[in-house]
Structures are given as C-alpha cells and as structure tokens.
Amino acid sequence: MLRQGDPLAVLRSSGRWLRRFEQVECRVPAAQATEYQQDLSDWLAARCFHQVPEDPLCWRRDRNRTLEADLAEALLESAALEERLSDSAVLLL
C-alpha cells in the first residue's frame, strides 16, 4: 500500500520485488488521485495488473497474463541460449 510520495517512482524502484506483488493500492488525497491514476494504470497494465472496478486506485495481478508473460520470456531466453550453444559448437569444430 502506497501512502505518500510519487507512487509510480516507488513502483519503478521496486525492481524484482514487483514480481511478488499481488495487489497495489494507492492511498493519496482525492486531489492527487487523478494525477496518478492514468500513469499508474498504464504502467501496471504493462506488468500484468488490472484495475479493480470498485476501487480506481487499486490494481490486482492478472495471474493468466503473468503466466503468459513468463512463458514468452522463457521462450526468448531458451532461443537465446540455443543460439549461444550453436555458436559455441561451431567454434569447437
């Protein structure tokens, strides 16, 4: 739960810890809420979170999208490793 400061800056600085977050709640004064809401929504949506309909300053992790993103990342990593292995095999020959 974020209560003070720039919530987007805090989330950006969370690094790999963000992968452990299941929910993000931003509790700021109403006047600041609209200032952060769209930027937070965009940033969190790109990281597999969806906005909670009944609370515009709360986002939950979408487990299916997270699994799809993890699979895509693993496939890219696997392809890169296969390419490195292939390059190493050519050097050995």
PDB file of N, CA and C in Angstrom:
ATOM      1  N   MET A   1       0.848  -1.161   0.000  1.00  0.00           N
ATOM      2  CA  MET A   1       0.000   0.000   0.000  1.00  0.00           C
ATOM      3  C   MET A   1       0.896   1.227   0.000  1.00  0.00           C
ATOM      4  N   LEU A   2       0.656   2.108  -0.953  1.00  0.00           N
ATOM      5  CA  LEU A   2       1.443   3.330  -1.072  1.00  0.00           C
ATOM      6  C   LEU A   2       0.638   4.494  -0.509  1.00  0.00           C
ATOM      7  N   ARG A   3       1.238   5.261   0.380  1.00  0.00           N
ATOM      8  CA  ARG A   3       0.511   6.342   1.026  1.00  0.00           C
ATOM      9  C   ARG A   3       1.137   7.717   0.828  1.00  0.00           C
ATOM     10  N   GLN A   4       2.392   7.812   0.487  1.00  0.00           N
ATOM     11  CA  GLN A   4       2.999   9.125   0.333  1.00  0.00           C
ATOM     12  C   GLN A   4       4.067   9.086  -0.747  1.00  0.00           C
ATOM     13  N   GLY A   5       4.408  10.252  -1.254  1.00  0.00           N
ATOM     14  CA  GLY A   5       5.403  10.342  -2.307  1.00  0.00           C
ATOM     15  C   GLY A   5       4.795  10.017  -3.663  1.00  0.00           C
ATOM     16  N   ASP A   6       5.645   9.873  -4.644  1.00  0.00           N
ATOM     17  CA  ASP A   6       5.226   9.565  -6.011  1.00  0.00           C
ATOM     18  C   ASP A   6       5.076   8.048  -6.138  1.00  0.00           C
ATOM     19  N   PRO A   7       3.855   7.537  -6.224  1.00  0.00           N
ATOM     20  CA  PRO A   7       3.667   6.082  -6.253  1.00  0.00           C
ATOM     21  C   PRO A   7       4.325   5.405  -7.446  1.00  0.00           C
ATOM     22  N   LEU A   8       4.369   6.081  -8.582  1.00  0.00           N
ATOM     23  CA  LEU A   8       4.996   5.482  -9.756  1.00  0.00           C
ATOM     24  C   LEU A   8       6.507   5.352  -9.557  1.00  0.00           C
ATOM     25  N   ALA A   9       7.120   6.348  -8.946  1.00  0.00           N
ATOM     26  CA  ALA A   9       8.555   6.275  -8.653  1.00  0.00           C
ATOM     27  C   ALA A   9       8.848   5.126  -7.692  1.00  0.00           C
ATOM     28  N   VAL A  10       7.978   4.948  -6.707  1.00  0.00           N
ATOM     29  CA  VAL A  10       8.154   3.853  -5.752  1.00  0.00           C
ATOM     30  C   VAL A  10       8.056   2.510  -6.471  1.00  0.00           C
ATOM     31  N   LEU A  11       7.057   2.349  -7.326  1.00  0.00           N
ATOM     32  CA  LEU A  11       6.893   1.084  -8.044  1.00  0.00           C
ATOM     33  C   LEU A  11       8.053   0.829  -8.994  1.00  0.00           C
ATOM     34  N   ARG A  12       8.491   1.864  -9.687  1.00  0.00           N
ATOM     35  CA  ARG A  12       9.625   1.692 -10.605  1.00  0.00           C
ATOM     36  C   ARG A  12      10.876   1.246  -9.871  1.00  0.00           C
ATOM     37  N   SER A  13      11.042   1.710  -8.641  1.00  0.00           N
ATOM     38  CA  SER A  13      12.241   1.367  -7.886  1.00  0.00           C
ATOM     39  C   SER A  13      12.128   0.003  -7.197  1.00  0.00           C
ATOM     40  N   SER A  14      10.985  -0.640  -7.309  1.00  0.00           N
ATOM     41  CA  SER A  14      10.792  -1.924  -6.624  1.00  0.00           C
ATOM     42  C   SER A  14      11.571  -3.057  -7.273  1.00  0.00           C
ATOM     43  N   GLY A  15      11.988  -2.871  -8.513  1.00  0.00           N
ATOM     44  CA  GLY A  15      12.806  -3.887  -9.184  1.00  0.00           C
ATOM     45  C   GLY A  15      12.119  -5.239  -9.237  1.00  0.00           C
ATOM     46  N   ARG A  16      12.880  -6.272  -8.916  1.00  0.00           N
ATOM     47  CA  ARG A  16      12.356  -7.644  -8.987  1.00  0.00           C
ATOM     48  C   ARG A  16      11.297  -7.927  -7.928  1.00  0.00           C
ATOM     49  N   TRP A  17      11.208  -7.091  -6.906  1.00  0.00           N
ATOM     50  CA  TRP A  17      10.182  -7.287  -5.885  1.00  0.00           C
ATOM     51  C   TRP A  17       8.788  -7.165  -6.466  1.00  0.00           C
ATOM     52  N   LEU A  18       8.636  -6.400  -7.535  1.00  0.00           N
ATOM     53  CA  LEU A  18       7.319  -6.222  -8.146  1.00  0.00           C
ATOM     54  C   LEU A  18       6.720  -7.564  -8.546  1.00  0.00           C
ATOM     55  N   ARG A  19       7.546  -8.524  -8.898  1.00  0.00           N
ATOM     56  CA  ARG A  19       7.055  -9.851  -9.289  1.00  0.00           C
ATOM     57  C   ARG A  19       6.320 -10.543  -8.137  1.00  0.00           C
ATOM     58  N   ARG A  20       6.600 -10.133  -6.913  1.00  0.00           N
ATOM     59  CA  ARG A  20       5.964 -10.744  -5.742  1.00  0.00           C
ATOM     60  C   ARG A  20       4.663 -10.049  -5.353  1.00  0.00           C
ATOM     61  N   PHE A  21       4.409  -8.886  -5.913  1.00  0.00           N
ATOM     62  CA  PHE A  21       3.207  -8.136  -5.556  1.00  0.00           C
ATOM     63  C   PHE A  21       1.980  -8.770  -6.188  1.00  0.00           C
ATOM     64  N   GLU A  22       0.951  -8.954  -5.412  1.00  0.00           N
ATOM     65  CA  GLU A  22      -0.322  -9.458  -5.916  1.00  0.00           C
ATOM     66  C   GLU A  22      -1.338  -8.328  -6.058  1.00  0.00           C
ATOM     67  N   GLN A  23      -1.145  -7.264  -5.278  1.00  0.00           N
ATOM     68  CA  GLN A  23      -2.076  -6.140  -5.313  1.00  0.00           C
ATOM     69  C   GLN A  23      -1.313  -4.862  -4.989  1.00  0.00           C
ATOM     70  N   VAL A  24      -1.701  -3.785  -5.656  1.00  0.00           N
ATOM     71  CA  VAL A  24      -1.125  -2.470  -5.396  1.00  0.00           C
ATOM     72  C   VAL A  24      -2.276  -1.531  -5.073  1.00  0.00           C
ATOM     73  N   GLU A  25      -2.180  -0.879  -3.921  1.00  0.00           N
ATOM     74  CA  GLU A  25      -3.184   0.108  -3.511  1.00  0.00           C
ATOM     75  C   GLU A  25      -2.488   1.442  -3.336  1.00  0.00           C
ATOM     76  N   CYS A  26      -3.044   2.453  -3.904  1.00  0.00           N
ATOM     77  CA  CYS A  26      -2.502   3.800  -3.791  1.00  0.00           C
ATOM     78  C   CYS A  26      -3.483   4.632  -2.971  1.00  0.00           C
ATOM     79  N   ARG A  27      -3.045   5.110  -1.834  1.00  0.00           N
ATOM     80  CA  ARG A  27      -3.909   5.897  -0.965  1.00  0.00           C
ATOM     81  C   ARG A  27      -3.344   7.302  -0.842  1.00  0.00           C
ATOM     82  N   VAL A  28      -3.861   8.173  -1.678  1.00  0.00           N
ATOM     83  CA  VAL A  28      -3.444   9.583  -1.694  1.00  0.00           C
ATOM     84  C   VAL A  28      -4.686  10.451  -1.556  1.00  0.00           C
ATOM     85  N   PRO A  29      -4.506  11.723  -1.203  1.00  0.00           N
ATOM     86  CA  PRO A  29      -5.666  12.612  -1.141  1.00  0.00           C
ATOM     87  C   PRO A  29      -6.397  12.659  -2.482  1.00  0.00           C
ATOM     88  N   ALA A  30      -7.705  12.865  -2.424  1.00  0.00           N
ATOM     89  CA  ALA A  30      -8.542  12.851  -3.634  1.00  0.00           C
ATOM     90  C   ALA A  30      -8.016  13.791  -4.713  1.00  0.00           C
ATOM     91  N   ALA A  31      -7.472  14.923  -4.320  1.00  0.00           N
ATOM     92  CA  ALA A  31      -6.963  15.891  -5.304  1.00  0.00           C
ATOM     93  C   ALA A  31      -5.797  15.313  -6.100  1.00  0.00           C
ATOM     94  N   GLN A  32      -5.011  14.442  -5.490  1.00  0.00           N
ATOM     95  CA  GLN A  32      -3.872  13.844  -6.180  1.00  0.00           C
ATOM     96  C   GLN A  32      -4.247  12.573  -6.935  1.00  0.00           C
ATOM     97  N   ALA A  33      -5.359  11.987  -6.614  1.00  0.00           N
ATOM     98  CA  ALA A  33      -5.743  10.698  -7.194  1.00  0.00           C
ATOM     99  C   ALA A  33      -5.775  10.741  -8.710  1.00  0.00           C
ATOM    100  N   THR A  34      -6.404  11.743  -9.277  1.00  0.00           N
ATOM    101  CA  THR A  34      -6.498  11.818 -10.739  1.00  0.00           C
ATOM    102  C   THR A  34      -5.136  12.072 -11.364  1.00  0.00           C
ATOM    103  N   GLU A  35      -4.243  12.706 -10.617  1.00  0.00           N
ATOM    104  CA  GLU A  35      -2.898  12.984 -11.122  1.00  0.00           C
ATOM    105  C   GLU A  35      -2.131  11.690 -11.391  1.00  0.00           C
ATOM    106  N   TYR A  36      -2.309  10.700 -10.543  1.00  0.00           N
ATOM    107  CA  TYR A  36      -1.556   9.452 -10.639  1.00  0.00           C
ATOM    108  C   TYR A  36      -2.289   8.318 -11.338  1.00  0.00           C
ATOM    109  N   GLN A  37      -3.584   8.356 -11.349  1.00  0.00           N
ATOM    110  CA  GLN A  37      -4.375   7.196 -11.755  1.00  0.00           C
ATOM    111  C   GLN A  37      -4.033   6.670 -13.148  1.00  0.00           C
ATOM    112  N   GLN A  38      -4.020   7.523 -14.166  1.00  0.00           N
ATOM    113  CA  GLN A  38      -3.787   7.045 -15.532  1.00  0.00           C
ATOM    114  C   GLN A  38      -2.368   6.524 -15.722  1.00  0.00           C
ATOM    115  N   ASP A  39      -1.381   7.243 -15.193  1.00  0.00           N
ATOM    116  CA  ASP A  39       0.004   6.776 -15.316  1.00  0.00           C
ATOM    117  C   ASP A  39       0.201   5.439 -14.617  1.00  0.00           C
ATOM    118  N   LEU A  40      -0.376   5.306 -13.423  1.00  0.00           N
ATOM    119  CA  LEU A  40      -0.277   4.035 -12.709  1.00  0.00           C
ATOM    120  C   LEU A  40      -0.984   2.921 -13.466  1.00  0.00           C
ATOM    121  N   SER A  41      -2.167   3.214 -13.981  1.00  0.00           N
ATOM    122  CA  SER A  41      -2.915   2.192 -14.732  1.00  0.00           C
ATOM    123  C   SER A  41      -2.123   1.697 -15.927  1.00  0.00           C
ATOM    124  N   ASP A  42      -1.558   2.627 -16.681  1.00  0.00           N
ATOM    125  CA  ASP A  42      -0.780   2.247 -17.867  1.00  0.00           C
ATOM    126  C   ASP A  42       0.443   1.428 -17.482  1.00  0.00           C
ATOM    127  N   TRP A  43       1.171   1.885 -16.483  1.00  0.00           N
ATOM    128  CA  TRP A  43       2.404   1.219 -16.078  1.00  0.00           C
ATOM    129  C   TRP A  43       2.115  -0.169 -15.517  1.00  0.00           C
ATOM    130  N   LEU A  44       1.106  -0.263 -14.670  1.00  0.00           N
ATOM    131  CA  LEU A  44       0.764  -1.549 -14.068  1.00  0.00           C
ATOM    132  C   LEU A  44       0.141  -2.509 -15.081  1.00  0.00           C
ATOM    133  N   ALA A  45      -0.640  -2.004 -16.011  1.00  0.00           N
ATOM    134  CA  ALA A  45      -1.231  -2.866 -17.041  1.00  0.00           C
ATOM    135  C   ALA A  45      -0.133  -3.534 -17.873  1.00  0.00           C
ATOM    136  N   ALA A  46       0.937  -2.800 -18.127  1.00  0.00           N
ATOM    137  CA  ALA A  46       2.058  -3.366 -18.883  1.00  0.00           C
ATOM    138  C   ALA A  46       2.780  -4.449 -18.087  1.00  0.00           C
ATOM    139  N   ARG A  47       2.495  -4.533 -16.796  1.00  0.00           N
ATOM    140  CA  ARG A  47       3.125  -5.523 -15.926  1.00  0.00           C
ATOM    141  C   ARG A  47       2.113  -6.519 -15.367  1.00  0.00           C
ATOM    142  N   CYS A  48       1.045  -6.726 -16.117  1.00  0.00           N
ATOM    143  CA  CYS A  48       0.049  -7.768 -15.845  1.00  0.00           C
ATOM    144  C   CYS A  48      -0.853  -7.500 -14.637  1.00  0.00           C
ATOM    145  N   PHE A  49      -1.141  -6.241 -14.362  1.00  0.00           N
ATOM    146  CA  PHE A  49      -2.102  -5.889 -13.321  1.00  0.00           C
ATOM    147  C   PHE A  49      -3.344  -5.322 -13.987  1.00  0.00           C
ATOM    148  N   HIS A  50      -4.491  -5.508 -13.351  1.00  0.00           N
ATOM    149  CA  HIS A  50      -5.726  -4.900 -13.839  1.00  0.00           C
ATOM    150  C   HIS A  50      -6.343  -4.072 -12.709  1.00  0.00           C
ATOM    151  N   GLN A  51      -7.025  -3.033 -13.115  1.00  0.00           N
ATOM    152  CA  GLN A  51      -7.639  -2.144 -12.136  1.00  0.00           C
ATOM    153  C   GLN A  51      -8.874  -2.796 -11.529  1.00  0.00           C
ATOM    154  N   VAL A  52      -9.041  -2.653 -10.233  1.00  0.00           N
ATOM    155  CA  VAL A  52     -10.200  -3.188  -9.524  1.00  0.00           C
ATOM    156  C   VAL A  52     -11.377  -2.254  -9.794  1.00  0.00           C
ATOM    157  N   PRO A  53     -12.468  -2.770 -10.354  1.00  0.00           N
ATOM    158  CA  PRO A  53     -13.592  -1.893 -10.743  1.00  0.00           C
ATOM    159  C   PRO A  53     -14.154  -1.044  -9.601  1.00  0.00           C
ATOM    160  N   GLU A  54     -14.246  -1.607  -8.417  1.00  0.00           N
ATOM    161  CA  GLU A  54     -14.861  -0.855  -7.320  1.00  0.00           C
ATOM    162  C   GLU A  54     -13.892   0.094  -6.614  1.00  0.00           C
ATOM    163  N   ASP A  55     -12.610   0.074  -6.988  1.00  0.00           N
ATOM    164  CA  ASP A  55     -11.614   0.957  -6.367  1.00  0.00           C
ATOM    165  C   ASP A  55     -10.638   1.431  -7.444  1.00  0.00           C
ATOM    166  N   PRO A  56     -10.797   2.650  -7.933  1.00  0.00           N
ATOM    167  CA  PRO A  56      -9.971   3.123  -9.046  1.00  0.00           C
ATOM    168  C   PRO A  56      -8.486   3.285  -8.709  1.00  0.00           C
ATOM    169  N   LEU A  57      -8.113   3.180  -7.437  1.00  0.00           N
ATOM    170  CA  LEU A  57      -6.705   3.280  -7.065  1.00  0.00           C
ATOM    171  C   LEU A  57      -6.184   1.971  -6.473  1.00  0.00           C
ATOM    172  N   CYS A  58      -6.721   0.874  -6.998  1.00  0.00           N
ATOM    173  CA  CYS A  58      -6.289  -0.461  -6.578  1.00  0.00           C
ATOM    174  C   CYS A  58      -6.147  -1.337  -7.828  1.00  0.00           C
ATOM    175  N   TRP A  59      -5.046  -2.069  -7.900  1.00  0.00           N
ATOM    176  CA  TRP A  59      -4.782  -2.950  -9.035  1.00  0.00           C
ATOM    177  C   TRP A  59      -4.397  -4.330  -8.516  1.00  0.00           C
ATOM    178  N   ARG A  60      -4.872  -5.374  -9.194  1.00  0.00           N
ATOM    179  CA  ARG A  60      -4.534  -6.752  -8.835  1.00  0.00           C
ATOM    180  C   ARG A  60      -3.812  -7.429  -9.991  1.00  0.00           C
ATOM    181  N   ARG A  61      -2.930  -8.325  -9.617  1.00  0.00           N
ATOM    182  CA  ARG A  61      -2.188  -9.074 -10.636  1.00  0.00           C
ATOM    183  C   ARG A  61      -3.136 -10.010 -11.369  1.00  0.00           C
ATOM    184  N   ASP A  62      -3.014 -10.038 -12.674  1.00  0.00           N
ATOM    185  CA  ASP A  62      -3.762 -10.969 -13.516  1.00  0.00           C
ATOM    186  C   ASP A  62      -2.880 -12.203 -13.681  1.00  0.00           C
ATOM    187  N   ARG A  63      -3.224 -13.272 -12.988  1.00  0.00           N
ATOM    188  CA  ARG A  63      -2.383 -14.471 -12.969  1.00  0.00           C
ATOM    189  C   ARG A  63      -2.198 -15.071 -14.360  1.00  0.00           C
ATOM    190  N   ASN A  64      -3.244 -15.103 -15.181  1.00  0.00           N
ATOM    191  CA  ASN A  64      -3.119 -15.671 -16.528  1.00  0.00           C
ATOM    192  C   ASN A  64      -2.168 -14.858 -17.395  1.00  0.00           C
ATOM    193  N   ARG A  65      -2.311 -13.541 -17.369  1.00  0.00           N
ATOM    194  CA  ARG A  65      -1.406 -12.695 -18.149  1.00  0.00           C
ATOM    195  C   ARG A  65       0.023 -12.824 -17.647  1.00  0.00           C
ATOM    196  N   THR A  66       0.193 -12.966 -16.331  1.00  0.00           N
ATOM    197  CA  THR A  66       1.527 -13.129 -15.761  1.00  0.00           C
ATOM    198  C   THR A  66       2.159 -14.424 -16.258  1.00  0.00           C
ATOM    199  N   LEU A  67       1.394 -15.515 -16.257  1.00  0.00           N
ATOM    200  CA  LEU A  67       1.914 -16.787 -16.742  1.00  0.00           C
ATOM    201  C   LEU A  67       2.266 -16.714 -18.230  1.00  0.00           C
ATOM    202  N   GLU A  68       1.427 -16.051 -19.014  1.00  0.00           N
ATOM    203  CA  GLU A  68       1.721 -15.886 -20.439  1.00  0.00           C
ATOM    204  C   GLU A  68       3.001 -15.079 -20.649  1.00  0.00           C
ATOM    205  N   ALA A  69       3.169 -14.016 -19.878  1.00  0.00           N
ATOM    206  CA  ALA A  69       4.375 -13.192 -19.991  1.00  0.00           C
ATOM    207  C   ALA A  69       5.610 -13.986 -19.565  1.00  0.00           C
ATOM    208  N   ASP A  70       5.484 -14.774 -18.494  1.00  0.00           N
ATOM    209  CA  ASP A  70       6.596 -15.611 -18.041  1.00  0.00           C
ATOM    210  C   ASP A  70       6.980 -16.638 -19.105  1.00  0.00           C
ATOM    211  N   LEU A  71       5.978 -17.243 -19.737  1.00  0.00           N
ATOM    212  CA  LEU A  71       6.242 -18.226 -20.789  1.00  0.00           C
ATOM    213  C   LEU A  71       6.945 -17.575 -21.980  1.00  0.00           C
ATOM    214  N   ALA A  72       6.466 -16.422 -22.388  1.00  0.00           N
ATOM    215  CA  ALA A  72       7.092 -15.715 -23.514  1.00  0.00           C
ATOM    216  C   ALA A  72       8.544 -15.368 -23.191  1.00  0.00           C
ATOM    217  N   GLU A  73       8.789 -14.918 -21.974  1.00  0.00           N
ATOM    218  CA  GLU A  73      10.154 -14.582 -21.547  1.00  0.00           C
ATOM    219  C   GLU A  73      11.039 -15.824 -21.544  1.00  0.00           C
ATOM    220  N   ALA A  74      10.512 -16.941 -21.045  1.00  0.00           N
ATOM    221  CA  ALA A  74      11.276 -18.182 -21.001  1.00  0.00           C
ATOM    222  C   ALA A  74      11.596 -18.686 -22.413  1.00  0.00           C
ATOM    223  N   LEU A  75      10.661 -18.548 -23.328  1.00  0.00           N
ATOM    224  CA  LEU A  75      10.902 -18.976 -24.716  1.00  0.00           C
ATOM    225  C   LEU A  75      11.986 -18.128 -25.371  1.00  0.00           C
ATOM    226  N   LEU A  76      11.963 -16.826 -25.114  1.00  0.00           N
ATOM    227  CA  LEU A  76      13.009 -15.951 -25.659  1.00  0.00           C
ATOM    228  C   LEU A  76      14.374 -16.310 -25.073  1.00  0.00           C
ATOM    229  N   GLU A  77      14.403 -16.563 -23.776  1.00  0.00           N
ATOM    230  CA  GLU A  77      15.654 -16.935 -23.124  1.00  0.00           C
ATOM    231  C   GLU A  77      16.162 -18.260 -23.664  1.00  0.00           C
ATOM    232  N   SER A  78      15.265 -19.202 -23.887  1.00  0.00           N
ATOM    233  CA  SER A  78      15.647 -20.504 -24.422  1.00  0.00           C
ATOM    234  C   SER A  78      16.224 -20.363 -25.835  1.00  0.00           C
ATOM    235  N   ALA A  79      15.590 -19.543 -26.649  1.00  0.00           N
ATOM    236  CA  ALA A  79      16.088 -19.315 -28.008  1.00  0.00           C
ATOM    237  C   ALA A  79      17.472 -18.671 -27.985  1.00  0.00           C
ATOM    238  N   ALA A  80      17.675 -17.729 -27.070  1.00  0.00           N
ATOM    239  CA  ALA A  80      18.983 -17.081 -26.969  1.00  0.00           C
ATOM    240  C   ALA A  80      20.049 -18.075 -26.529  1.00  0.00           C
ATOM    241  N   LEU A  81      19.697 -18.958 -25.591  1.00  0.00           N
ATOM    242  CA  LEU A  81      20.650 -19.964 -25.128  1.00  0.00           C
ATOM    243  C   LEU A  81      20.977 -20.964 -26.236  1.00  0.00           C
ATOM    244  N   GLU A  82      19.969 -21.350 -27.010  1.00  0.00           N
ATOM    245  CA  GLU A  82      20.208 -22.265 -28.133  1.00  0.00           C
ATOM    246  C   GLU A  82      21.151 -21.633 -29.146  1.00  0.00           C
ATOM    247  N   GLU A  83      20.975 -20.350 -29.388  1.00  0.00           N
ATOM    248  CA  GLU A  83      21.846 -19.657 -30.344  1.00  0.00           C
ATOM    249  C   GLU A  83      23.282 -19.603 -29.824  1.00  0.00           C
ATOM    250  N   ARG A  84      23.440 -19.316 -28.535  1.00  0.00           N
ATOM    251  CA  ARG A  84      24.782 -19.279 -27.948  1.00  0.00           C
ATOM    252  C   ARG A  84      25.430 -20.656 -28.001  1.00  0.00           C
ATOM    253  N   LEU A  85      24.643 -21.688 -27.738  1.00  0.00           N
ATOM    254  CA  LEU A  85      25.157 -23.056 -27.786  1.00  0.00           C
ATOM    255  C   LEU A  85      25.579 -23.408 -29.211  1.00  0.00           C
ATOM    256  N   SER A  86      24.780 -23.028 -30.170  1.00  0.00           N
ATOM    257  CA  SER A  86      25.097 -23.282 -31.572  1.00  0.00           C
ATOM    258  C   SER A  86      26.378 -22.558 -31.975  1.00  0.00           C
ATOM    259  N   ASP A  87      26.524 -21.309 -31.544  1.00  0.00           N
ATOM    260  CA  ASP A  87      27.742 -20.546 -31.847  1.00  0.00           C
ATOM    261  C   ASP A  87      28.972 -21.196 -31.207  1.00  0.00           C
ATOM    262  N   SER A  88      28.800 -21.701 -29.985  1.00  0.00           N
ATOM    263  CA  SER A  88      29.915 -22.362 -29.290  1.00  0.00           C
ATOM    264  C   SER A  88      30.287 -23.661 -29.991  1.00  0.00           C
ATOM    265  N   ALA A  89      29.301 -24.399 -30.481  1.00  0.00           N
ATOM    266  CA  ALA A  89      29.564 -25.657 -31.175  1.00  0.00           C
ATOM    267  C   ALA A  89      30.339 -25.400 -32.458  1.00  0.00           C
ATOM    268  N   VAL A  90      30.023 -24.338 -33.162  1.00  0.00           N
ATOM    269  CA  VAL A  90      30.724 -24.001 -34.401  1.00  0.00           C
ATOM    270  C   VAL A  90      32.182 -23.663 -34.088  1.00  0.00           C
ATOM    271  N   LEU A  91      32.414 -22.948 -32.990  1.00  0.00           N
ATOM    272  CA  LEU A  91      33.788 -22.584 -32.615  1.00  0.00           C
ATOM    273  C   LEU A  91      34.597 -23.819 -32.264  1.00  0.00           C
ATOM    274  N   LEU A  92      33.975 -24.815 -31.675  1.00  0.00           N
ATOM    275  CA  LEU A  92      34.684 -26.038 -31.303  1.00  0.00           C
ATOM    276  C   LEU A  92      35.078 -26.865 -32.517  1.00  0.00           C
ATOM    277  N   LEU A  93      34.289 -26.774 -33.561  1.00  0.00           N
ATOM    278  CA  LEU A  93      34.604 -27.549 -34.762  1.00  0.00           C
ATOM    279  C   LEU A  93      35.736 -26.880 -35.492  1.00  0.00           C
TER     280      LEU A  93
END
